[in-house]
């Protein structure tokens, strides 16, 4: 009887340790820059422009930079330089032309 209780406790502890180990989650992966840029576009740019207006064109990275810079000038402080870079990277990656 005593041995059976010890075995039951040991097996229970092993199952508990196994369950805890399996429940361990990986930390979230950082978002890709293009994903950040797309989210920023949706937050900042889609206030005035629908996604369909932008996806209808393909531009070089330099042209996207020019367009975003122009939009920055329309409403001062709305799109920071750091956010603009992320938006440009996203547009270039998804809608860029060589």
PDB file of N, CA and C in Angstrom:
ATOM      1  N   UNK A   1       0.821  -1.183   0.000  1.00  0.00           N
ATOM      2  CA  UNK A   1       0.000   0.000   0.000  1.00  0.00           C
ATOM      3  C   UNK A   1       0.869   1.252   0.000  1.00  0.00           C
ATOM      4  N   UNK A   2       1.901   1.263   0.805  1.00  0.00           N
ATOM      5  CA  UNK A   2       2.761   2.433   0.917  1.00  0.00           C
ATOM      6  C   UNK A   2       3.483   2.697  -0.406  1.00  0.00           C
ATOM      7  N   UNK A   3       3.927   1.630  -1.069  1.00  0.00           N
ATOM      8  CA  UNK A   3       4.640   1.756  -2.336  1.00  0.00           C
ATOM      9  C   UNK A   3       3.695   2.315  -3.405  1.00  0.00           C
ATOM     10  N   UNK A   4       2.461   1.871  -3.398  1.00  0.00           N
ATOM     11  CA  UNK A   4       1.472   2.334  -4.361  1.00  0.00           C
ATOM     12  C   UNK A   4       1.244   3.837  -4.206  1.00  0.00           C
ATOM     13  N   UNK A   5       1.173   4.347  -3.005  1.00  0.00           N
ATOM     14  CA  UNK A   5       0.990   5.769  -2.754  1.00  0.00           C
ATOM     15  C   UNK A   5       2.182   6.579  -3.259  1.00  0.00           C
ATOM     16  N   UNK A   6       3.386   6.080  -3.012  1.00  0.00           N
ATOM     17  CA  UNK A   6       4.599   6.773  -3.460  1.00  0.00           C
ATOM     18  C   UNK A   6       4.642   6.811  -4.990  1.00  0.00           C
ATOM     19  N   UNK A   7       4.324   5.692  -5.623  1.00  0.00           N
ATOM     20  CA  UNK A   7       4.322   5.635  -7.082  1.00  0.00           C
ATOM     21  C   UNK A   7       3.269   6.605  -7.638  1.00  0.00           C
ATOM     22  N   UNK A   8       2.111   6.653  -7.042  1.00  0.00           N
ATOM     23  CA  UNK A   8       1.048   7.546  -7.479  1.00  0.00           C
ATOM     24  C   UNK A   8       1.485   9.014  -7.349  1.00  0.00           C
ATOM     25  N   UNK A   9       2.147   9.360  -6.270  1.00  0.00           N
ATOM     26  CA  UNK A   9       2.636  10.726  -6.067  1.00  0.00           C
ATOM     27  C   UNK A   9       3.705  11.065  -7.099  1.00  0.00           C
ATOM     28  N   UNK A  10       4.634  10.154  -7.332  1.00  0.00           N
ATOM     29  CA  UNK A  10       5.714  10.397  -8.302  1.00  0.00           C
ATOM     30  C   UNK A  10       5.134  10.562  -9.700  1.00  0.00           C
ATOM     31  N   UNK A  11       4.212   9.707 -10.103  1.00  0.00           N
ATOM     32  CA  UNK A  11       3.594   9.801 -11.426  1.00  0.00           C
ATOM     33  C   UNK A  11       2.814  11.102 -11.551  1.00  0.00           C
ATOM     34  N   UNK A  12       2.107  11.484 -10.504  1.00  0.00           N
ATOM     35  CA  UNK A  12       1.352  12.746 -10.509  1.00  0.00           C
ATOM     36  C   UNK A  12       2.280  13.943 -10.669  1.00  0.00           C
ATOM     37  N   UNK A  13       3.402  13.930  -9.963  1.00  0.00           N
ATOM     38  CA  UNK A  13       4.373  15.027 -10.054  1.00  0.00           C
ATOM     39  C   UNK A  13       4.959  15.095 -11.460  1.00  0.00           C
ATOM     40  N   UNK A  14       5.235  13.938 -12.063  1.00  0.00           N
ATOM     41  CA  UNK A  14       5.783  13.908 -13.420  1.00  0.00           C
ATOM     42  C   UNK A  14       4.770  14.451 -14.427  1.00  0.00           C
ATOM     43  N   UNK A  15       3.511  14.076 -14.273  1.00  0.00           N
ATOM     44  CA  UNK A  15       2.470  14.589 -15.162  1.00  0.00           C
ATOM     45  C   UNK A  15       2.305  16.101 -15.008  1.00  0.00           C
ATOM     46  N   UNK A  16       2.370  16.574 -13.782  1.00  0.00           N
ATOM     47  CA  UNK A  16       2.270  18.010 -13.518  1.00  0.00           C
ATOM     48  C   UNK A  16       3.441  18.754 -14.164  1.00  0.00           C
ATOM     49  N   UNK A  17       4.650  18.233 -13.998  1.00  0.00           N
ATOM     50  CA  UNK A  17       5.830  18.864 -14.602  1.00  0.00           C
ATOM     51  C   UNK A  17       5.721  18.852 -16.123  1.00  0.00           C
ATOM     52  N   UNK A  18       5.235  17.791 -16.697  1.00  0.00           N
ATOM     53  CA  UNK A  18       5.051  17.696 -18.139  1.00  0.00           C
ATOM     54  C   UNK A  18       4.030  18.718 -18.621  1.00  0.00           C
ATOM     55  N   UNK A  19       2.917  18.837 -17.907  1.00  0.00           N
ATOM     56  CA  UNK A  19       1.872  19.790 -18.288  1.00  0.00           C
ATOM     57  C   UNK A  19       2.378  21.226 -18.206  1.00  0.00           C
ATOM     58  N   UNK A  20       3.147  21.549 -17.192  1.00  0.00           N
ATOM     59  CA  UNK A  20       3.703  22.897 -17.049  1.00  0.00           C
ATOM     60  C   UNK A  20       4.688  23.179 -18.177  1.00  0.00           C
ATOM     61  N   UNK A  21       5.508  22.203 -18.509  1.00  0.00           N
ATOM     62  CA  UNK A  21       6.475  22.375 -19.598  1.00  0.00           C
ATOM     63  C   UNK A  21       5.800  22.571 -20.941  1.00  0.00           C
ATOM     64  N   UNK A  22       4.709  21.869 -21.179  1.00  0.00           N
ATOM     65  CA  UNK A  22       3.988  22.005 -22.451  1.00  0.00           C
ATOM     66  C   UNK A  22       3.242  23.328 -22.533  1.00  0.00           C
ATOM     67  N   UNK A  23       2.855  23.896 -21.416  1.00  0.00           N
ATOM     68  CA  UNK A  23       2.096  25.136 -21.406  1.00  0.00           C
ATOM     69  C   UNK A  23       2.982  26.366 -21.562  1.00  0.00           C
ATOM     70  N   UNK A  24       4.278  26.177 -21.518  1.00  0.00           N
ATOM     71  CA  UNK A  24       5.199  27.308 -21.629  1.00  0.00           C
ATOM     72  C   UNK A  24       5.059  27.937 -23.006  1.00  0.00           C
ATOM     73  N   UNK A  25       4.825  29.244 -23.060  1.00  0.00           N
ATOM     74  CA  UNK A  25       4.618  29.934 -24.328  1.00  0.00           C
ATOM     75  C   UNK A  25       5.863  30.700 -24.731  1.00  0.00           C
ATOM     76  N   UNK A  26       6.034  30.814 -26.040  1.00  0.00           N
ATOM     77  CA  UNK A  26       7.142  31.602 -26.564  1.00  0.00           C
ATOM     78  C   UNK A  26       6.778  33.079 -26.497  1.00  0.00           C
ATOM     79  N   UNK A  27       7.769  33.931 -26.285  1.00  0.00           N
ATOM     80  CA  UNK A  27       7.470  35.360 -26.288  1.00  0.00           C
ATOM     81  C   UNK A  27       7.029  35.783 -27.690  1.00  0.00           C
ATOM     82  N   UNK A  28       6.180  36.803 -27.801  1.00  0.00           N
ATOM     83  CA  UNK A  28       5.722  37.229 -29.122  1.00  0.00           C
ATOM     84  C   UNK A  28       6.885  37.748 -29.963  1.00  0.00           C
ATOM     85  N   UNK A  29       6.827  37.453 -31.243  1.00  0.00           N
ATOM     86  CA  UNK A  29       7.868  37.904 -32.160  1.00  0.00           C
ATOM     87  C   UNK A  29       7.591  39.355 -32.544  1.00  0.00           C
ATOM     88  N   UNK A  30       8.646  40.146 -32.687  1.00  0.00           N
ATOM     89  CA  UNK A  30       8.420  41.527 -33.099  1.00  0.00           C
ATOM     90  C   UNK A  30       7.842  41.575 -34.507  1.00  0.00           C
ATOM     91  N   UNK A  31       7.002  42.556 -34.736  1.00  0.00           N
ATOM     92  CA  UNK A  31       6.378  42.699 -36.044  1.00  0.00           C
ATOM     93  C   UNK A  31       7.410  43.111 -37.084  1.00  0.00           C
ATOM     94  N   UNK A  32       7.205  42.638 -38.278  1.00  0.00           N
ATOM     95  CA  UNK A  32       8.098  43.014 -39.374  1.00  0.00           C
ATOM     96  C   UNK A  32       7.907  44.490 -39.704  1.00  0.00           C
ATOM     97  N   UNK A  33       8.956  45.150 -40.173  1.00  0.00           N
ATOM     98  CA  UNK A  33       8.828  46.571 -40.509  1.00  0.00           C
ATOM     99  C   UNK A  33       7.707  46.856 -41.499  1.00  0.00           C
ATOM    100  N   UNK A  34       7.518  45.981 -42.488  1.00  0.00           N
ATOM    101  CA  UNK A  34       6.441  46.198 -43.446  1.00  0.00           C
ATOM    102  C   UNK A  34       5.086  46.149 -42.750  1.00  0.00           C
ATOM    103  N   UNK A  35       4.932  45.252 -41.773  1.00  0.00           N
ATOM    104  CA  UNK A  35       3.685  45.176 -41.032  1.00  0.00           C
ATOM    105  C   UNK A  35       3.469  46.452 -40.222  1.00  0.00           C
ATOM    106  N   UNK A  36       4.536  46.967 -39.620  1.00  0.00           N
ATOM    107  CA  UNK A  36       4.443  48.235 -38.890  1.00  0.00           C
ATOM    108  C   UNK A  36       4.026  49.353 -39.821  1.00  0.00           C
ATOM    109  N   UNK A  37       4.654  49.395 -40.981  1.00  0.00           N
ATOM    110  CA  UNK A  37       4.345  50.433 -41.959  1.00  0.00           C
ATOM    111  C   UNK A  37       2.920  50.342 -42.459  1.00  0.00           C
ATOM    112  N   UNK A  38       2.449  49.129 -42.669  1.00  0.00           N
ATOM    113  CA  UNK A  38       1.072  48.947 -43.125  1.00  0.00           C
ATOM    114  C   UNK A  38       0.085  49.418 -42.059  1.00  0.00           C
ATOM    115  N   UNK A  39       0.369  49.085 -40.803  1.00  0.00           N
ATOM    116  CA  UNK A  39      -0.489  49.536 -39.711  1.00  0.00           C
ATOM    117  C   UNK A  39      -0.464  51.060 -39.600  1.00  0.00           C
ATOM    118  N   UNK A  40       0.719  51.632 -39.765  1.00  0.00           N
ATOM    119  CA  UNK A  40       0.826  53.095 -39.731  1.00  0.00           C
ATOM    120  C   UNK A  40       0.065  53.723 -40.893  1.00  0.00           C
ATOM    121  N   UNK A  41       0.172  53.122 -42.078  1.00  0.00           N
ATOM    122  CA  UNK A  41      -0.590  53.628 -43.219  1.00  0.00           C
ATOM    123  C   UNK A  41      -2.074  53.635 -42.890  1.00  0.00           C
ATOM    124  N   UNK A  42      -2.551  52.521 -42.337  1.00  0.00           N
ATOM    125  CA  UNK A  42      -3.975  52.421 -42.016  1.00  0.00           C
ATOM    126  C   UNK A  42      -4.388  53.455 -40.982  1.00  0.00           C
ATOM    127  N   UNK A  43      -3.501  53.748 -40.032  1.00  0.00           N
ATOM    128  CA  UNK A  43      -3.815  54.722 -38.982  1.00  0.00           C
ATOM    129  C   UNK A  43      -3.694  56.155 -39.477  1.00  0.00           C
ATOM    130  N   UNK A  44      -2.619  56.448 -40.192  1.00  0.00           N
ATOM    131  CA  UNK A  44      -2.315  57.826 -40.570  1.00  0.00           C
ATOM    132  C   UNK A  44      -2.856  58.212 -41.943  1.00  0.00           C
ATOM    133  N   UNK A  45      -2.587  57.403 -42.935  1.00  0.00           N
ATOM    134  CA  UNK A  45      -2.873  57.790 -44.321  1.00  0.00           C
ATOM    135  C   UNK A  45      -4.311  57.500 -44.738  1.00  0.00           C
ATOM    136  N   UNK A  46      -4.880  56.405 -44.223  1.00  0.00           N
ATOM    137  CA  UNK A  46      -6.215  56.023 -44.672  1.00  0.00           C
ATOM    138  C   UNK A  46      -7.300  56.951 -44.142  1.00  0.00           C
ATOM    139  N   UNK A  47      -6.918  57.910 -43.308  1.00  0.00           N
ATOM    140  CA  UNK A  47      -7.875  58.934 -42.883  1.00  0.00           C
ATOM    141  C   UNK A  47      -8.355  59.703 -44.120  1.00  0.00           C
ATOM    142  N   UNK A  48      -7.430  59.925 -45.050  1.00  0.00           N
ATOM    143  CA  UNK A  48      -7.760  60.665 -46.280  1.00  0.00           C
ATOM    144  C   UNK A  48      -7.781  59.779 -47.521  1.00  0.00           C
ATOM    145  N   UNK A  49      -6.981  58.706 -47.527  1.00  0.00           N
ATOM    146  CA  UNK A  49      -6.821  57.869 -48.716  1.00  0.00           C
ATOM    147  C   UNK A  49      -7.212  56.437 -48.416  1.00  0.00           C
ATOM    148  N   UNK A  50      -8.036  55.868 -49.267  1.00  0.00           N
ATOM    149  CA  UNK A  50      -8.367  54.466 -49.138  1.00  0.00           C
ATOM    150  C   UNK A  50      -7.226  53.601 -49.625  1.00  0.00           C
ATOM    151  N   UNK A  51      -7.147  52.391 -49.141  1.00  0.00           N
ATOM    152  CA  UNK A  51      -6.088  51.462 -49.545  1.00  0.00           C
ATOM    153  C   UNK A  51      -6.143  51.198 -51.043  1.00  0.00           C
ATOM    154  N   UNK A  52      -7.346  51.184 -51.617  1.00  0.00           N
ATOM    155  CA  UNK A  52      -7.485  50.924 -53.052  1.00  0.00           C
ATOM    156  C   UNK A  52      -6.819  52.012 -53.897  1.00  0.00           C
ATOM    157  N   UNK A  53      -6.818  53.246 -53.403  1.00  0.00           N
ATOM    158  CA  UNK A  53      -6.170  54.340 -54.139  1.00  0.00           C
ATOM    159  C   UNK A  53      -4.658  54.123 -54.217  1.00  0.00           C
ATOM    160  N   UNK A  54      -4.100  53.594 -53.157  1.00  0.00           N
ATOM    161  CA  UNK A  54      -2.657  53.391 -53.108  1.00  0.00           C
ATOM    162  C   UNK A  54      -2.262  52.116 -53.831  1.00  0.00           C
ATOM    163  N   UNK A  55      -3.013  51.050 -53.660  1.00  0.00           N
ATOM    164  CA  UNK A  55      -2.636  49.773 -54.280  1.00  0.00           C
ATOM    165  C   UNK A  55      -2.814  49.790 -55.795  1.00  0.00           C
ATOM    166  N   UNK A  56      -3.455  50.814 -56.318  1.00  0.00           N
ATOM    167  CA  UNK A  56      -3.651  50.916 -57.761  1.00  0.00           C
ATOM    168  C   UNK A  56      -2.379  51.364 -58.482  1.00  0.00           C
ATOM    169  N   UNK A  57      -1.348  51.746 -57.730  1.00  0.00           N
ATOM    170  CA  UNK A  57      -0.129  52.241 -58.372  1.00  0.00           C
ATOM    171  C   UNK A  57       1.105  51.526 -57.863  1.00  0.00           C
ATOM    172  N   UNK A  58       2.114  51.524 -58.696  1.00  0.00           N
ATOM    173  CA  UNK A  58       3.436  50.993 -58.338  1.00  0.00           C
ATOM    174  C   UNK A  58       4.424  52.130 -58.550  1.00  0.00           C
ATOM    175  N   UNK A  59       5.242  52.387 -57.544  1.00  0.00           N
ATOM    176  CA  UNK A  59       6.204  53.483 -57.620  1.00  0.00           C
ATOM    177  C   UNK A  59       7.558  53.023 -57.095  1.00  0.00           C
ATOM    178  N   UNK A  60       8.581  53.754 -57.449  1.00  0.00           N
ATOM    179  CA  UNK A  60       9.905  53.488 -56.901  1.00  0.00           C
ATOM    180  C   UNK A  60       9.926  53.949 -55.446  1.00  0.00           C
ATOM    181  N   UNK A  61      10.916  53.494 -54.734  1.00  0.00           N
ATOM    182  CA  UNK A  61      11.055  53.902 -53.331  1.00  0.00           C
ATOM    183  C   UNK A  61      11.217  55.418 -53.235  1.00  0.00           C
ATOM    184  N   UNK A  62      11.947  55.995 -54.164  1.00  0.00           N
ATOM    185  CA  UNK A  62      12.154  57.447 -54.153  1.00  0.00           C
ATOM    186  C   UNK A  62      10.845  58.196 -54.368  1.00  0.00           C
ATOM    187  N   UNK A  63      10.005  57.687 -55.266  1.00  0.00           N
ATOM    188  CA  UNK A  63       8.707  58.328 -55.529  1.00  0.00           C
ATOM    189  C   UNK A  63       7.793  58.200 -54.314  1.00  0.00           C
ATOM    190  N   UNK A  64       7.776  57.016 -53.678  1.00  0.00           N
ATOM    191  CA  UNK A  64       6.967  56.853 -52.461  1.00  0.00           C
ATOM    192  C   UNK A  64       7.452  57.827 -51.389  1.00  0.00           C
ATOM    193  N   UNK A  65       8.769  57.984 -51.265  1.00  0.00           N
ATOM    194  CA  UNK A  65       9.319  58.928 -50.280  1.00  0.00           C
ATOM    195  C   UNK A  65       8.858  60.341 -50.584  1.00  0.00           C
ATOM    196  N   UNK A  66       8.855  60.711 -51.856  1.00  0.00           N
ATOM    197  CA  UNK A  66       8.407  62.038 -52.259  1.00  0.00           C
ATOM    198  C   UNK A  66       6.927  62.250 -51.920  1.00  0.00           C
ATOM    199  N   UNK A  67       6.121  61.246 -52.200  1.00  0.00           N
ATOM    200  CA  UNK A  67       4.679  61.333 -51.929  1.00  0.00           C
ATOM    201  C   UNK A  67       4.428  61.456 -50.425  1.00  0.00           C
ATOM    202  N   UNK A  68       5.092  60.607 -49.642  1.00  0.00           N
ATOM    203  CA  UNK A  68       4.895  60.646 -48.185  1.00  0.00           C
ATOM    204  C   UNK A  68       5.379  61.974 -47.621  1.00  0.00           C
ATOM    205  N   UNK A  69       6.496  62.473 -48.106  1.00  0.00           N
ATOM    206  CA  UNK A  69       7.023  63.766 -47.654  1.00  0.00           C
ATOM    207  C   UNK A  69       6.017  64.880 -47.947  1.00  0.00           C
ATOM    208  N   UNK A  70       5.418  64.827 -49.135  1.00  0.00           N
ATOM    209  CA  UNK A  70       4.396  65.818 -49.495  1.00  0.00           C
ATOM    210  C   UNK A  70       3.209  65.743 -48.534  1.00  0.00           C
ATOM    211  N   UNK A  71       2.795  64.522 -48.205  1.00  0.00           N
ATOM    212  CA  UNK A  71       1.659  64.348 -47.288  1.00  0.00           C
ATOM    213  C   UNK A  71       2.006  64.824 -45.874  1.00  0.00           C
ATOM    214  N   UNK A  72       3.259  64.639 -45.479  1.00  0.00           N
ATOM    215  CA  UNK A  72       3.698  65.137 -44.170  1.00  0.00           C
ATOM    216  C   UNK A  72       3.508  66.651 -44.098  1.00  0.00           C
ATOM    217  N   UNK A  73       3.761  67.340 -45.183  1.00  0.00           N
ATOM    218  CA  UNK A  73       3.644  68.792 -45.209  1.00  0.00           C
ATOM    219  C   UNK A  73       2.213  69.289 -45.159  1.00  0.00           C
ATOM    220  N   UNK A  74       1.253  68.446 -45.484  1.00  0.00           N
ATOM    221  CA  UNK A  74      -0.149  68.869 -45.491  1.00  0.00           C
ATOM    222  C   UNK A  74      -0.720  69.025 -44.089  1.00  0.00           C
ATOM    223  N   UNK A  75      -0.226  68.237 -43.149  1.00  0.00           N
ATOM    224  CA  UNK A  75      -0.707  68.329 -41.764  1.00  0.00           C
ATOM    225  C   UNK A  75       0.493  68.117 -40.851  1.00  0.00           C
ATOM    226  N   UNK A  76       1.089  69.205 -40.441  1.00  0.00           N
ATOM    227  CA  UNK A  76       2.327  69.161 -39.654  1.00  0.00           C
ATOM    228  C   UNK A  76       2.150  68.324 -38.385  1.00  0.00           C
ATOM    229  N   UNK A  77       3.113  67.452 -38.156  1.00  0.00           N
ATOM    230  CA  UNK A  77       3.127  66.643 -36.938  1.00  0.00           C
ATOM    231  C   UNK A  77       2.274  65.389 -36.986  1.00  0.00           C
ATOM    232  N   UNK A  78       1.468  65.222 -38.018  1.00  0.00           N
ATOM    233  CA  UNK A  78       0.598  64.051 -38.082  1.00  0.00           C
ATOM    234  C   UNK A  78       1.398  62.780 -38.362  1.00  0.00           C
ATOM    235  N   UNK A  79       2.393  62.872 -39.245  1.00  0.00           N
ATOM    236  CA  UNK A  79       3.243  61.726 -39.564  1.00  0.00           C
ATOM    237  C   UNK A  79       4.675  62.109 -39.212  1.00  0.00           C
ATOM    238  N   UNK A  80       5.225  61.459 -38.206  1.00  0.00           N
ATOM    239  CA  UNK A  80       6.604  61.750 -37.805  1.00  0.00           C
ATOM    240  C   UNK A  80       7.571  61.216 -38.860  1.00  0.00           C
ATOM    241  N   UNK A  81       8.807  61.673 -38.815  1.00  0.00           N
ATOM    242  CA  UNK A  81       9.816  61.182 -39.762  1.00  0.00           C
ATOM    243  C   UNK A  81      10.040  59.682 -39.598  1.00  0.00           C
ATOM    244  N   UNK A  82      10.046  59.210 -38.351  1.00  0.00           N
ATOM    245  CA  UNK A  82      10.237  57.777 -38.096  1.00  0.00           C
ATOM    246  C   UNK A  82       9.075  56.965 -38.671  1.00  0.00           C
ATOM    247  N   UNK A  83       7.851  57.452 -38.475  1.00  0.00           N
ATOM    248  CA  UNK A  83       6.689  56.766 -39.039  1.00  0.00           C
ATOM    249  C   UNK A  83       6.710  56.820 -40.559  1.00  0.00           C
ATOM    250  N   UNK A  84       7.128  57.952 -41.109  1.00  0.00           N
ATOM    251  CA  UNK A  84       7.200  58.094 -42.565  1.00  0.00           C
ATOM    252  C   UNK A  84       8.148  57.058 -43.156  1.00  0.00           C
ATOM    253  N   UNK A  85       9.285  56.843 -42.516  1.00  0.00           N
ATOM    254  CA  UNK A  85      10.237  55.839 -43.007  1.00  0.00           C
ATOM    255  C   UNK A  85       9.617  54.446 -43.027  1.00  0.00           C
ATOM    256  N   UNK A  86       8.878  54.117 -41.987  1.00  0.00           N
ATOM    257  CA  UNK A  86       8.227  52.803 -41.929  1.00  0.00           C
ATOM    258  C   UNK A  86       7.163  52.672 -43.015  1.00  0.00           C
ATOM    259  N   UNK A  87       6.415  53.732 -43.231  1.00  0.00           N
ATOM    260  CA  UNK A  87       5.384  53.721 -44.271  1.00  0.00           C
ATOM    261  C   UNK A  87       6.036  53.565 -45.642  1.00  0.00           C
ATOM    262  N   UNK A  88       7.105  54.302 -45.886  1.00  0.00           N
ATOM    263  CA  UNK A  88       7.817  54.224 -47.167  1.00  0.00           C
ATOM    264  C   UNK A  88       8.359  52.813 -47.395  1.00  0.00           C
ATOM    265  N   UNK A  89       8.952  52.224 -46.363  1.00  0.00           N
ATOM    266  CA  UNK A  89       9.473  50.854 -46.487  1.00  0.00           C
ATOM    267  C   UNK A  89       8.359  49.874 -46.833  1.00  0.00           C
ATOM    268  N   UNK A  90       7.221  50.039 -46.185  1.00  0.00           N
ATOM    269  CA  UNK A  90       6.095  49.154 -46.427  1.00  0.00           C
ATOM    270  C   UNK A  90       5.574  49.318 -47.850  1.00  0.00           C
ATOM    271  N   UNK A  91       5.375  50.552 -48.270  1.00  0.00           N
ATOM    272  CA  UNK A  91       4.886  50.808 -49.626  1.00  0.00           C
ATOM    273  C   UNK A  91       5.870  50.287 -50.667  1.00  0.00           C
ATOM    274  N   UNK A  92       7.146  50.498 -50.432  1.00  0.00           N
ATOM    275  CA  UNK A  92       8.180  50.034 -51.366  1.00  0.00           C
ATOM    276  C   UNK A  92       8.208  48.514 -51.458  1.00  0.00           C
ATOM    277  N   UNK A  93       8.066  47.867 -50.309  1.00  0.00           N
ATOM    278  CA  UNK A  93       8.096  46.400 -50.280  1.00  0.00           C
ATOM    279  C   UNK A  93       6.891  45.800 -50.977  1.00  0.00           C
ATOM    280  N   UNK A  94       5.725  46.400 -50.772  1.00  0.00           N
ATOM    281  CA  UNK A  94       4.503  45.822 -51.318  1.00  0.00           C
ATOM    282  C   UNK A  94       4.118  46.385 -52.683  1.00  0.00           C
ATOM    283  N   UNK A  95       4.428  47.657 -52.902  1.00  0.00           N
ATOM    284  CA  UNK A  95       3.967  48.311 -54.133  1.00  0.00           C
ATOM    285  C   UNK A  95       5.088  49.001 -54.886  1.00  0.00           C
ATOM    286  N   UNK A  96       6.292  48.540 -54.671  1.00  0.00           N
ATOM    287  CA  UNK A  96       7.428  49.175 -55.319  1.00  0.00           C
ATOM    288  C   UNK A  96       7.702  48.625 -56.699  1.00  0.00           C
ATOM    289  N   UNK A  97       8.354  49.441 -57.480  1.00  0.00           N
ATOM    290  CA  UNK A  97       8.813  48.950 -58.785  1.00  0.00           C
ATOM    291  C   UNK A  97      10.297  49.255 -58.895  1.00  0.00           C
ATOM    292  N   UNK A  98      10.954  48.435 -59.598  1.00  0.00           N
ATOM    293  CA  UNK A  98      12.411  48.569 -59.728  1.00  0.00           C
ATOM    294  C   UNK A  98      12.786  49.737 -60.566  1.00  0.00           C
TER     295      UNK A  98
END
